[in-house]
Amino acid sequence: MMTVKNIWASASVAWLALSLVVGGGGCRRETATQAAARTVMDANGQPVAITDVSRVVAAGGSVTEIVYALGAEAALVGCDASSLYPEAAAKLPQVGYVRALSAEGVLSLRPSLVLTLPEAGPPDALAQLRASGTPVLIVPSETSLEGVKRKIRAIAQALDRQAQGEELVRRLDVDLAAARNYLDGCPEKPKVMFIYARGQGVAQVAGRDTAAAEMIRLAGGVSAFDFEGYKPLTAEAAVAAAPDVILLSSRGLESSGGVAGVLAMPGVKQTPAGRNQRIVAMDDLLLLGFGPRAGQGVLELARLLHPAK
């Protein structure tokens, strides 16, 4: 027969065994993030083994935004300077800019995983991170709606949040449907000149194969330029393009000195947009990030380009 003393002794042994499993007695604690080992293919088709997502560094504004949208922000220990949304991201330790990462800064945060974009660099910094044994996952980042979905799904798989990722994709489709519904009955396609500005005197305009041009197309507009990439803004180019609308990011507009500063740029006053002061701006990541809010961005831009609807 079990006595009270024997029962207490048995319970004590059981508690000690449980303590050893979950981290007592100096043993390693096994967590759900460590147990869910998996391999994810990166944007270059290379397999990346992921065993622990308890300490994540995100480099790239859309990457950080997706981590938050998946509800995995508790794992974030750092991000880069382009991570502007949500506001909480600004409170995290910074590791430089996505194109100019500090390997030492990243490693000082003891990351178990780095999530970033194809444009991340410099190459030496990425090589140093990989040499340290830190998994670095380069996620897809095409400037298209299907590219957004691939990006969401890659990050969701890496963080073992596939169900949440599919919900984000579903919400993106709902937002896009709302944008398409708004554009129904809008036959006119205004010509739009996107200006990338960072301070007075620093201005470039977007051509094809850019995030700005794709967003303009999706929102029922036409990009004012057909060259590839970005080129410096000149008076001759602005006047020849004759845009109906001039578009900037919110930070770009602010750094240029507002509408008055944009009107002072080369050739702008001589364009239809300048004469009518049709100068509009949107949140940087909402406009150019191609992240989980891309559908909302398309709808907002459609309303700016077609305000009379």
C-alpha atoms as a PDB file:
ATOM      1  CA  MET A   1       0.000   0.000   0.000  1.00  0.00           C
ATOM      2  CA  MET A   2       1.262   3.488  -0.906  1.00  0.00           C
ATOM      3  CA  THR A   3       1.788   5.694   2.127  1.00  0.00           C
ATOM      4  CA  VAL A   4       1.549   9.477   2.048  1.00  0.00           C
ATOM      5  CA  LYS A   5       5.344   9.561   2.324  1.00  0.00           C
ATOM      6  CA  ASN A   6       5.756   7.247  -0.710  1.00  0.00           C
ATOM      7  CA  ILE A   7       3.257   9.245  -2.771  1.00  0.00           C
ATOM      8  CA  TRP A   8       5.117  12.471  -1.985  1.00  0.00           C
ATOM      9  CA  ALA A   9       8.439  10.888  -2.926  1.00  0.00           C
ATOM     10  CA  SER A  10       7.058   9.584  -6.239  1.00  0.00           C
ATOM     11  CA  ALA A  11       5.621  13.003  -7.055  1.00  0.00           C
ATOM     12  CA  SER A  12       8.955  14.637  -6.268  1.00  0.00           C
ATOM     13  CA  VAL A  13      10.785  12.296  -8.652  1.00  0.00           C
ATOM     14  CA  ALA A  14       8.236  13.000 -11.403  1.00  0.00           C
ATOM     15  CA  TRP A  15       8.566  16.743 -10.909  1.00  0.00           C
ATOM     16  CA  LEU A  16      12.360  16.500 -11.066  1.00  0.00           C
ATOM     17  CA  ALA A  17      12.151  14.535 -14.328  1.00  0.00           C
ATOM     18  CA  LEU A  18       9.792  17.122 -15.823  1.00  0.00           C
ATOM     19  CA  SER A  19      12.105  19.923 -14.718  1.00  0.00           C
ATOM     20  CA  LEU A  20      15.050  18.298 -16.494  1.00  0.00           C
ATOM     21  CA  VAL A  21      13.029  18.064 -19.727  1.00  0.00           C
ATOM     22  CA  VAL A  22      11.862  21.689 -19.783  1.00  0.00           C
ATOM     23  CA  GLY A  23      15.154  23.251 -18.786  1.00  0.00           C
ATOM     24  CA  GLY A  24      15.916  22.564 -15.123  1.00  0.00           C
ATOM     25  CA  GLY A  25      19.142  20.987 -13.907  1.00  0.00           C
ATOM     26  CA  GLY A  26      21.186  22.736 -16.613  1.00  0.00           C
ATOM     27  CA  CYS A  27      19.569  20.801 -19.467  1.00  0.00           C
ATOM     28  CA  ARG A  28      18.674  22.625 -22.718  1.00  0.00           C
ATOM     29  CA  ARG A  29      15.084  23.788 -22.953  1.00  0.00           C
ATOM     30  CA  GLU A  30      13.267  22.420 -25.985  1.00  0.00           C
ATOM     31  CA  THR A  31      10.947  24.991 -27.517  1.00  0.00           C
ATOM     32  CA  ALA A  32       8.403  24.795 -30.285  1.00  0.00           C
ATOM     33  CA  THR A  33      10.580  27.070 -32.423  1.00  0.00           C
ATOM     34  CA  GLN A  34      13.530  24.674 -32.139  1.00  0.00           C
ATOM     35  CA  ALA A  35      11.482  21.530 -32.660  1.00  0.00           C
ATOM     36  CA  ALA A  36       9.917  22.646 -35.954  1.00  0.00           C
ATOM     37  CA  ALA A  37      13.011  22.080 -38.115  1.00  0.00           C
ATOM     38  CA  ARG A  38      12.402  22.568 -41.844  1.00  0.00           C
ATOM     39  CA  THR A  39      14.090  23.443 -45.108  1.00  0.00           C
ATOM     40  CA  VAL A  40      12.934  26.442 -47.130  1.00  0.00           C
ATOM     41  CA  MET A  41      14.019  27.258 -50.684  1.00  0.00           C
ATOM     42  CA  ASP A  42      15.323  30.798 -51.039  1.00  0.00           C
ATOM     43  CA  ALA A  43      14.777  33.203 -53.950  1.00  0.00           C
ATOM     44  CA  ASN A  44      17.801  31.718 -55.725  1.00  0.00           C
ATOM     45  CA  GLY A  45      16.547  28.155 -55.422  1.00  0.00           C
ATOM     46  CA  GLN A  46      18.982  27.283 -52.623  1.00  0.00           C
ATOM     47  CA  PRO A  47      17.818  25.228 -49.612  1.00  0.00           C
ATOM     48  CA  VAL A  48      18.096  26.924 -46.222  1.00  0.00           C
ATOM     49  CA  ALA A  49      17.809  24.755 -43.113  1.00  0.00           C
ATOM     50  CA  ILE A  50      15.867  26.460 -40.310  1.00  0.00           C
ATOM     51  CA  THR A  51      15.782  24.978 -36.823  1.00  0.00           C
ATOM     52  CA  ASP A  52      15.115  27.968 -34.580  1.00  0.00           C
ATOM     53  CA  VAL A  53      13.043  31.108 -35.158  1.00  0.00           C
ATOM     54  CA  SER A  54      13.222  32.473 -31.627  1.00  0.00           C
ATOM     55  CA  ARG A  55      15.545  35.369 -32.591  1.00  0.00           C
ATOM     56  CA  VAL A  56      14.835  36.828 -36.029  1.00  0.00           C
ATOM     57  CA  VAL A  57      16.463  39.788 -37.769  1.00  0.00           C
ATOM     58  CA  ALA A  58      14.445  41.203 -40.695  1.00  0.00           C
ATOM     59  CA  ALA A  59      16.176  43.335 -43.339  1.00  0.00           C
ATOM     60  CA  GLY A  60      13.773  44.951 -45.811  1.00  0.00           C
ATOM     61  CA  GLY A  61      10.662  46.979 -45.041  1.00  0.00           C
ATOM     62  CA  SER A  62       8.207  44.532 -46.598  1.00  0.00           C
ATOM     63  CA  VAL A  63       9.882  41.602 -44.828  1.00  0.00           C
ATOM     64  CA  THR A  64       9.492  43.228 -41.424  1.00  0.00           C
ATOM     65  CA  GLU A  65       5.901  44.180 -42.216  1.00  0.00           C
ATOM     66  CA  ILE A  66       5.047  40.594 -43.168  1.00  0.00           C
ATOM     67  CA  VAL A  67       6.574  39.253 -39.942  1.00  0.00           C
ATOM     68  CA  TYR A  68       4.284  41.586 -37.987  1.00  0.00           C
ATOM     69  CA  ALA A  69       1.276  40.719 -40.150  1.00  0.00           C
ATOM     70  CA  LEU A  70       1.880  37.020 -39.451  1.00  0.00           C
ATOM     71  CA  GLY A  71       1.765  37.731 -35.724  1.00  0.00           C
ATOM     72  CA  ALA A  72       5.405  36.683 -35.248  1.00  0.00           C
ATOM     73  CA  GLU A  73       6.767  40.028 -34.072  1.00  0.00           C
ATOM     74  CA  ALA A  74       7.703  38.638 -30.647  1.00  0.00           C
ATOM     75  CA  ALA A  75      10.584  36.810 -32.341  1.00  0.00           C
ATOM     76  CA  LEU A  76      12.026  39.984 -33.902  1.00  0.00           C
ATOM     77  CA  VAL A  77      15.241  41.192 -32.263  1.00  0.00           C
ATOM     78  CA  GLY A  78      16.290  43.672 -34.957  1.00  0.00           C
ATOM     79  CA  CYS A  79      15.488  45.164 -38.367  1.00  0.00           C
ATOM     80  CA  ASP A  80      16.953  47.523 -40.935  1.00  0.00           C
ATOM     81  CA  ALA A  81      16.420  51.244 -41.555  1.00  0.00           C
ATOM     82  CA  SER A  82      13.866  50.636 -44.330  1.00  0.00           C
ATOM     83  CA  SER A  83      11.498  48.947 -41.862  1.00  0.00           C
ATOM     84  CA  LEU A  84       9.117  51.879 -41.448  1.00  0.00           C
ATOM     85  CA  TYR A  85       5.872  50.029 -40.741  1.00  0.00           C
ATOM     86  CA  PRO A  86       4.425  49.350 -38.280  1.00  0.00           C
ATOM     87  CA  GLU A  87       5.685  52.070 -35.942  1.00  0.00           C
ATOM     88  CA  ALA A  88       6.739  49.452 -33.390  1.00  0.00           C
ATOM     89  CA  ALA A  89       9.511  48.353 -35.770  1.00  0.00           C
ATOM     90  CA  ALA A  90      11.300  51.663 -35.230  1.00  0.00           C
ATOM     91  CA  LYS A  91      11.871  50.705 -31.596  1.00  0.00           C
ATOM     92  CA  LEU A  92      13.892  47.617 -32.543  1.00  0.00           C
ATOM     93  CA  PRO A  93      17.700  47.671 -32.772  1.00  0.00           C
ATOM     94  CA  GLN A  94      18.815  48.774 -36.253  1.00  0.00           C
ATOM     95  CA  VAL A  95      21.334  46.832 -38.356  1.00  0.00           C
ATOM     96  CA  GLY A  96      21.929  49.353 -41.133  1.00  0.00           C
ATOM     97  CA  TYR A  97      20.114  49.605 -44.449  1.00  0.00           C
ATOM     98  CA  VAL A  98      19.097  46.496 -46.405  1.00  0.00           C
ATOM     99  CA  ARG A  99      21.663  47.246 -49.146  1.00  0.00           C
ATOM    100  CA  ALA A 100      24.360  48.153 -46.626  1.00  0.00           C
ATOM    101  CA  LEU A 101      23.989  45.758 -43.718  1.00  0.00           C
ATOM    102  CA  SER A 102      26.444  45.600 -40.860  1.00  0.00           C
ATOM    103  CA  ALA A 103      27.372  41.962 -40.286  1.00  0.00           C
ATOM    104  CA  GLU A 104      28.783  42.829 -36.867  1.00  0.00           C
ATOM    105  CA  GLY A 105      25.584  44.646 -35.951  1.00  0.00           C
ATOM    106  CA  VAL A 106      23.446  41.682 -37.010  1.00  0.00           C
ATOM    107  CA  LEU A 107      25.612  39.135 -35.192  1.00  0.00           C
ATOM    108  CA  SER A 108      25.619  41.224 -32.008  1.00  0.00           C
ATOM    109  CA  LEU A 109      21.895  40.432 -31.749  1.00  0.00           C
ATOM    110  CA  ARG A 110      22.623  36.662 -31.747  1.00  0.00           C
ATOM    111  CA  PRO A 111      20.050  35.897 -34.461  1.00  0.00           C
ATOM    112  CA  SER A 112      18.809  32.377 -35.068  1.00  0.00           C
ATOM    113  CA  LEU A 113      17.543  33.465 -38.522  1.00  0.00           C
ATOM    114  CA  VAL A 114      17.992  36.414 -40.881  1.00  0.00           C
ATOM    115  CA  LEU A 115      15.196  37.181 -43.341  1.00  0.00           C
ATOM    116  CA  THR A 116      16.013  39.558 -46.176  1.00  0.00           C
ATOM    117  CA  LEU A 117      15.524  40.495 -49.838  1.00  0.00           C
ATOM    118  CA  PRO A 118      17.530  39.778 -53.021  1.00  0.00           C
ATOM    119  CA  GLU A 119      18.968  43.301 -53.009  1.00  0.00           C
ATOM    120  CA  ALA A 120      20.498  42.789 -49.553  1.00  0.00           C
ATOM    121  CA  GLY A 121      24.191  43.427 -49.251  1.00  0.00           C
ATOM    122  CA  PRO A 122      27.034  43.965 -49.350  1.00  0.00           C
ATOM    123  CA  PRO A 123      27.973  40.397 -50.403  1.00  0.00           C
ATOM    124  CA  ASP A 124      30.796  40.269 -47.851  1.00  0.00           C
ATOM    125  CA  ALA A 125      28.335  40.944 -45.033  1.00  0.00           C
ATOM    126  CA  LEU A 126      26.030  38.128 -46.147  1.00  0.00           C
ATOM    127  CA  ALA A 127      29.021  35.789 -46.493  1.00  0.00           C
ATOM    128  CA  GLN A 128      30.125  36.676 -42.978  1.00  0.00           C
ATOM    129  CA  LEU A 129      26.666  35.935 -41.600  1.00  0.00           C
ATOM    130  CA  ARG A 130      26.538  32.551 -43.325  1.00  0.00           C
ATOM    131  CA  ALA A 131      30.091  31.738 -42.194  1.00  0.00           C
ATOM    132  CA  SER A 132      28.963  32.291 -38.609  1.00  0.00           C
ATOM    133  CA  GLY A 133      26.429  29.506 -39.028  1.00  0.00           C
ATOM    134  CA  THR A 134      23.439  31.867 -39.052  1.00  0.00           C
ATOM    135  CA  PRO A 135      20.764  30.813 -41.570  1.00  0.00           C
ATOM    136  CA  VAL A 136      20.110  33.622 -44.073  1.00  0.00           C
ATOM    137  CA  LEU A 137      16.916  33.295 -46.100  1.00  0.00           C
ATOM    138  CA  ILE A 138      16.641  35.496 -49.205  1.00  0.00           C
ATOM    139  CA  VAL A 139      12.905  35.704 -49.909  1.00  0.00           C
ATOM    140  CA  PRO A 140      11.335  36.335 -53.354  1.00  0.00           C
ATOM    141  CA  SER A 141      10.703  40.009 -54.089  1.00  0.00           C
ATOM    142  CA  GLU A 142       9.229  40.493 -57.552  1.00  0.00           C
ATOM    143  CA  THR A 143       7.318  43.736 -58.078  1.00  0.00           C
ATOM    144  CA  SER A 144       4.052  42.001 -58.882  1.00  0.00           C
ATOM    145  CA  LEU A 145       0.998  40.815 -56.999  1.00  0.00           C
ATOM    146  CA  GLU A 146       1.990  37.181 -57.473  1.00  0.00           C
ATOM    147  CA  GLY A 147       5.415  38.151 -56.199  1.00  0.00           C
ATOM    148  CA  VAL A 148       3.825  39.509 -53.015  1.00  0.00           C
ATOM    149  CA  LYS A 149       2.094  36.186 -52.469  1.00  0.00           C
ATOM    150  CA  ARG A 150       5.337  34.257 -52.969  1.00  0.00           C
ATOM    151  CA  LYS A 151       7.072  36.545 -50.493  1.00  0.00           C
ATOM    152  CA  ILE A 152       4.350  36.072 -47.886  1.00  0.00           C
ATOM    153  CA  ARG A 153       4.351  32.300 -48.303  1.00  0.00           C
ATOM    154  CA  ALA A 154       8.146  32.019 -48.086  1.00  0.00           C
ATOM    155  CA  ILE A 155       8.280  34.001 -44.838  1.00  0.00           C
ATOM    156  CA  ALA A 156       5.274  32.132 -43.429  1.00  0.00           C
ATOM    157  CA  GLN A 157       6.958  28.808 -44.177  1.00  0.00           C
ATOM    158  CA  ALA A 158      10.211  29.965 -42.602  1.00  0.00           C
ATOM    159  CA  LEU A 159       8.386  31.001 -39.420  1.00  0.00           C
ATOM    160  CA  ASP A 160       6.135  27.907 -39.432  1.00  0.00           C
ATOM    161  CA  ARG A 161       3.020  30.073 -39.821  1.00  0.00           C
ATOM    162  CA  GLN A 162       1.603  28.744 -43.061  1.00  0.00           C
ATOM    163  CA  ALA A 163      -2.027  29.098 -41.984  1.00  0.00           C
ATOM    164  CA  GLN A 164      -1.512  32.755 -41.107  1.00  0.00           C
ATOM    165  CA  GLY A 165       0.280  33.233 -44.417  1.00  0.00           C
ATOM    166  CA  GLU A 166      -2.669  31.889 -46.387  1.00  0.00           C
ATOM    167  CA  GLU A 167      -4.971  34.228 -44.481  1.00  0.00           C
ATOM    168  CA  LEU A 168      -2.773  37.171 -45.507  1.00  0.00           C
ATOM    169  CA  VAL A 169      -2.970  36.042 -49.136  1.00  0.00           C
ATOM    170  CA  ARG A 170      -6.760  35.797 -48.861  1.00  0.00           C
ATOM    171  CA  ARG A 171      -6.993  39.311 -47.433  1.00  0.00           C
ATOM    172  CA  LEU A 172      -4.726  40.596 -50.196  1.00  0.00           C
ATOM    173  CA  ASP A 173      -7.118  39.158 -52.791  1.00  0.00           C
ATOM    174  CA  VAL A 174     -10.079  40.818 -51.043  1.00  0.00           C
ATOM    175  CA  ASP A 175      -8.301  44.199 -51.089  1.00  0.00           C
ATOM    176  CA  LEU A 176      -7.417  43.784 -54.766  1.00  0.00           C
ATOM    177  CA  ALA A 177     -11.025  42.943 -55.608  1.00  0.00           C
ATOM    178  CA  ALA A 178     -12.107  46.183 -53.917  1.00  0.00           C
ATOM    179  CA  ALA A 179      -9.549  48.119 -55.973  1.00  0.00           C
ATOM    180  CA  ARG A 180     -10.717  46.530 -59.226  1.00  0.00           C
ATOM    181  CA  ASN A 181     -14.324  47.285 -58.325  1.00  0.00           C
ATOM    182  CA  TYR A 182     -13.411  50.942 -57.740  1.00  0.00           C
ATOM    183  CA  LEU A 183     -11.675  51.122 -61.125  1.00  0.00           C
ATOM    184  CA  ASP A 184     -14.697  49.745 -62.988  1.00  0.00           C
ATOM    185  CA  GLY A 185     -16.036  52.514 -65.170  1.00  0.00           C
ATOM    186  CA  CYS A 186     -12.792  54.508 -65.155  1.00  0.00           C
ATOM    187  CA  PRO A 187     -11.815  54.454 -68.847  1.00  0.00           C
ATOM    188  CA  GLU A 188      -9.316  57.312 -68.587  1.00  0.00           C
ATOM    189  CA  LYS A 189      -5.735  56.419 -67.711  1.00  0.00           C
ATOM    190  CA  PRO A 190      -3.898  59.508 -66.446  1.00  0.00           C
ATOM    191  CA  LYS A 191      -0.203  59.800 -67.257  1.00  0.00           C
ATOM    192  CA  VAL A 192       1.729  59.705 -63.985  1.00  0.00           C
ATOM    193  CA  MET A 193       5.301  60.804 -63.291  1.00  0.00           C
ATOM    194  CA  PHE A 194       6.747  59.224 -60.152  1.00  0.00           C
ATOM    195  CA  ILE A 195       9.571  61.229 -58.594  1.00  0.00           C
ATOM    196  CA  TYR A 196      11.927  59.532 -56.175  1.00  0.00           C
ATOM    197  CA  ALA A 197      13.203  62.371 -54.014  1.00  0.00           C
ATOM    198  CA  ARG A 198      15.491  62.414 -51.017  1.00  0.00           C
ATOM    199  CA  GLY A 199      16.057  66.033 -50.133  1.00  0.00           C
ATOM    200  CA  GLN A 200      16.064  69.104 -52.315  1.00  0.00           C
ATOM    201  CA  GLY A 201      18.191  68.732 -55.423  1.00  0.00           C
ATOM    202  CA  VAL A 202      18.075  64.907 -55.411  1.00  0.00           C
ATOM    203  CA  ALA A 203      15.303  63.698 -57.701  1.00  0.00           C
ATOM    204  CA  GLN A 204      14.925  60.787 -60.099  1.00  0.00           C
ATOM    205  CA  VAL A 205      11.963  59.666 -62.182  1.00  0.00           C
ATOM    206  CA  ALA A 206      10.741  56.089 -62.600  1.00  0.00           C
ATOM    207  CA  GLY A 207      10.495  54.178 -65.848  1.00  0.00           C
ATOM    208  CA  ARG A 208       9.341  50.645 -66.566  1.00  0.00           C
ATOM    209  CA  ASP A 209      10.258  47.587 -64.483  1.00  0.00           C
ATOM    210  CA  THR A 210      10.005  49.559 -61.241  1.00  0.00           C
ATOM    211  CA  ALA A 211       7.690  49.175 -58.273  1.00  0.00           C
ATOM    212  CA  ALA A 212       6.290  52.663 -58.946  1.00  0.00           C
ATOM    213  CA  ALA A 213       5.425  51.891 -62.573  1.00  0.00           C
ATOM    214  CA  GLU A 214       3.688  48.647 -61.625  1.00  0.00           C
ATOM    215  CA  MET A 215       1.633  50.329 -58.906  1.00  0.00           C
ATOM    216  CA  ILE A 216       0.634  53.085 -61.336  1.00  0.00           C
ATOM    217  CA  ARG A 217      -0.512  50.443 -63.847  1.00  0.00           C
ATOM    218  CA  LEU A 218      -2.476  48.501 -61.239  1.00  0.00           C
ATOM    219  CA  ALA A 219      -4.181  51.717 -60.096  1.00  0.00           C
ATOM    220  CA  GLY A 220      -5.418  52.567 -63.587  1.00  0.00           C
ATOM    221  CA  GLY A 221      -2.695  54.942 -64.684  1.00  0.00           C
ATOM    222  CA  VAL A 222       0.154  55.016 -67.215  1.00  0.00           C
ATOM    223  CA  SER A 223       3.771  55.635 -66.289  1.00  0.00           C
ATOM    224  CA  ALA A 224       5.078  58.800 -67.915  1.00  0.00           C
ATOM    225  CA  PHE A 225       8.378  57.214 -68.988  1.00  0.00           C
ATOM    226  CA  ASP A 226       9.213  54.090 -70.966  1.00  0.00           C
ATOM    227  CA  PHE A 227      12.919  53.764 -70.194  1.00  0.00           C
ATOM    228  CA  GLU A 228      14.022  51.064 -67.781  1.00  0.00           C
ATOM    229  CA  GLY A 229      14.655  51.828 -64.123  1.00  0.00           C
ATOM    230  CA  TYR A 230      15.344  55.325 -62.815  1.00  0.00           C
ATOM    231  CA  LYS A 231      16.949  58.402 -64.377  1.00  0.00           C
ATOM    232  CA  PRO A 232      17.661  61.898 -63.036  1.00  0.00           C
ATOM    233  CA  LEU A 233      14.823  64.381 -63.439  1.00  0.00           C
ATOM    234  CA  THR A 234      15.537  67.005 -66.116  1.00  0.00           C
ATOM    235  CA  ALA A 235      13.386  69.897 -67.282  1.00  0.00           C
ATOM    236  CA  GLU A 236      13.402  68.609 -70.865  1.00  0.00           C
ATOM    237  CA  ALA A 237      12.238  65.131 -69.842  1.00  0.00           C
ATOM    238  CA  ALA A 238       9.503  66.442 -67.552  1.00  0.00           C
ATOM    239  CA  VAL A 239       8.079  68.805 -70.163  1.00  0.00           C
ATOM    240  CA  ALA A 240       8.220  66.171 -72.922  1.00  0.00           C
ATOM    241  CA  ALA A 241       6.514  63.587 -70.705  1.00  0.00           C
ATOM    242  CA  ALA A 242       3.634  66.003 -69.955  1.00  0.00           C
ATOM    243  CA  PRO A 243       2.290  64.080 -66.931  1.00  0.00           C
ATOM    244  CA  ASP A 244      -1.259  64.620 -65.716  1.00  0.00           C
ATOM    245  CA  VAL A 245      -0.284  63.666 -62.161  1.00  0.00           C
ATOM    246  CA  ILE A 246       2.978  63.798 -60.222  1.00  0.00           C
ATOM    247  CA  LEU A 247       3.365  61.094 -57.588  1.00  0.00           C
ATOM    248  CA  LEU A 248       5.850  60.891 -54.709  1.00  0.00           C
ATOM    249  CA  SER A 249       6.227  58.912 -51.519  1.00  0.00           C
ATOM    250  CA  SER A 250       5.221  60.781 -48.370  1.00  0.00           C
ATOM    251  CA  ARG A 251       8.799  61.002 -47.151  1.00  0.00           C
ATOM    252  CA  GLY A 252       9.929  62.140 -50.575  1.00  0.00           C
ATOM    253  CA  LEU A 253       7.372  64.941 -50.630  1.00  0.00           C
ATOM    254  CA  GLU A 254       8.356  66.050 -47.146  1.00  0.00           C
ATOM    255  CA  SER A 255      12.080  66.000 -47.884  1.00  0.00           C
ATOM    256  CA  SER A 256      11.492  68.085 -51.045  1.00  0.00           C
ATOM    257  CA  GLY A 257       9.808  70.898 -49.147  1.00  0.00           C
ATOM    258  CA  GLY A 258       6.207  69.940 -49.862  1.00  0.00           C
ATOM    259  CA  VAL A 259       4.213  70.880 -52.963  1.00  0.00           C
ATOM    260  CA  ALA A 260       6.104  74.164 -53.336  1.00  0.00           C
ATOM    261  CA  GLY A 261       9.397  72.282 -53.380  1.00  0.00           C
ATOM    262  CA  VAL A 262       8.154  69.871 -56.054  1.00  0.00           C
ATOM    263  CA  LEU A 263       6.911  72.755 -58.217  1.00  0.00           C
ATOM    264  CA  ALA A 264      10.418  74.208 -58.025  1.00  0.00           C
ATOM    265  CA  MET A 265      11.949  71.057 -59.529  1.00  0.00           C
ATOM    266  CA  PRO A 266      13.209  71.232 -63.136  1.00  0.00           C
ATOM    267  CA  GLY A 267      10.364  71.519 -65.637  1.00  0.00           C
ATOM    268  CA  VAL A 268       7.580  70.590 -63.222  1.00  0.00           C
ATOM    269  CA  LYS A 269       5.703  73.917 -63.457  1.00  0.00           C
ATOM    270  CA  GLN A 270       5.541  73.535 -67.231  1.00  0.00           C
ATOM    271  CA  THR A 271       3.739  70.193 -67.102  1.00  0.00           C
ATOM    272  CA  PRO A 272      -0.058  69.737 -66.968  1.00  0.00           C
ATOM    273  CA  ALA A 273       0.365  68.286 -63.465  1.00  0.00           C
ATOM    274  CA  GLY A 274       2.395  71.294 -62.376  1.00  0.00           C
ATOM    275  CA  ARG A 275      -0.002  73.841 -63.847  1.00  0.00           C
ATOM    276  CA  ASN A 276      -2.935  72.113 -62.130  1.00  0.00           C
ATOM    277  CA  GLN A 277      -0.916  71.325 -59.009  1.00  0.00           C
ATOM    278  CA  ARG A 278      -1.933  67.658 -59.217  1.00  0.00           C
ATOM    279  CA  ILE A 279       0.808  66.448 -56.894  1.00  0.00           C
ATOM    280  CA  VAL A 280      -0.078  63.463 -54.708  1.00  0.00           C
ATOM    281  CA  ALA A 281       1.815  61.367 -52.191  1.00  0.00           C
ATOM    282  CA  MET A 282       1.440  58.026 -50.429  1.00  0.00           C
ATOM    283  CA  ASP A 283       3.064  56.185 -47.554  1.00  0.00           C
ATOM    284  CA  ASP A 284       6.429  54.858 -48.753  1.00  0.00           C
ATOM    285  CA  LEU A 285       5.908  51.164 -48.022  1.00  0.00           C
ATOM    286  CA  LEU A 286       2.263  51.215 -49.030  1.00  0.00           C
ATOM    287  CA  LEU A 287       3.272  52.600 -52.423  1.00  0.00           C
ATOM    288  CA  LEU A 288       6.560  50.805 -53.130  1.00  0.00           C
ATOM    289  CA  GLY A 289       6.929  47.964 -50.645  1.00  0.00           C
ATOM    290  CA  PHE A 290       4.839  45.261 -52.348  1.00  0.00           C
ATOM    291  CA  GLY A 291       4.070  43.814 -48.948  1.00  0.00           C
ATOM    292  CA  PRO A 292       0.883  42.504 -47.316  1.00  0.00           C
ATOM    293  CA  ARG A 293      -0.883  45.872 -47.767  1.00  0.00           C
ATOM    294  CA  ALA A 294      -0.306  45.960 -51.542  1.00  0.00           C
ATOM    295  CA  GLY A 295      -4.026  45.659 -52.256  1.00  0.00           C
ATOM    296  CA  GLN A 296      -4.778  48.577 -49.947  1.00  0.00           C
ATOM    297  CA  GLY A 297      -2.040  50.527 -51.711  1.00  0.00           C
ATOM    298  CA  VAL A 298      -3.563  49.902 -55.135  1.00  0.00           C
ATOM    299  CA  LEU A 299      -6.973  51.092 -53.911  1.00  0.00           C
ATOM    300  CA  GLU A 300      -5.554  54.222 -52.271  1.00  0.00           C
ATOM    301  CA  LEU A 301      -3.563  55.131 -55.387  1.00  0.00           C
ATOM    302  CA  ALA A 302      -6.605  54.472 -57.600  1.00  0.00           C
ATOM    303  CA  ARG A 303      -8.564  56.978 -55.526  1.00  0.00           C
ATOM    304  CA  LEU A 304      -5.772  59.542 -55.872  1.00  0.00           C
ATOM    305  CA  LEU A 305      -5.566  59.094 -59.639  1.00  0.00           C
ATOM    306  CA  HIS A 306      -9.344  58.957 -60.158  1.00  0.00           C
ATOM    307  CA  PRO A 307     -10.739  61.291 -57.468  1.00  0.00           C
ATOM    308  CA  ALA A 308     -13.921  62.185 -59.358  1.00  0.00           C
ATOM    309  CA  LYS A 309     -15.304  58.626 -59.329  1.00  0.00           C
END
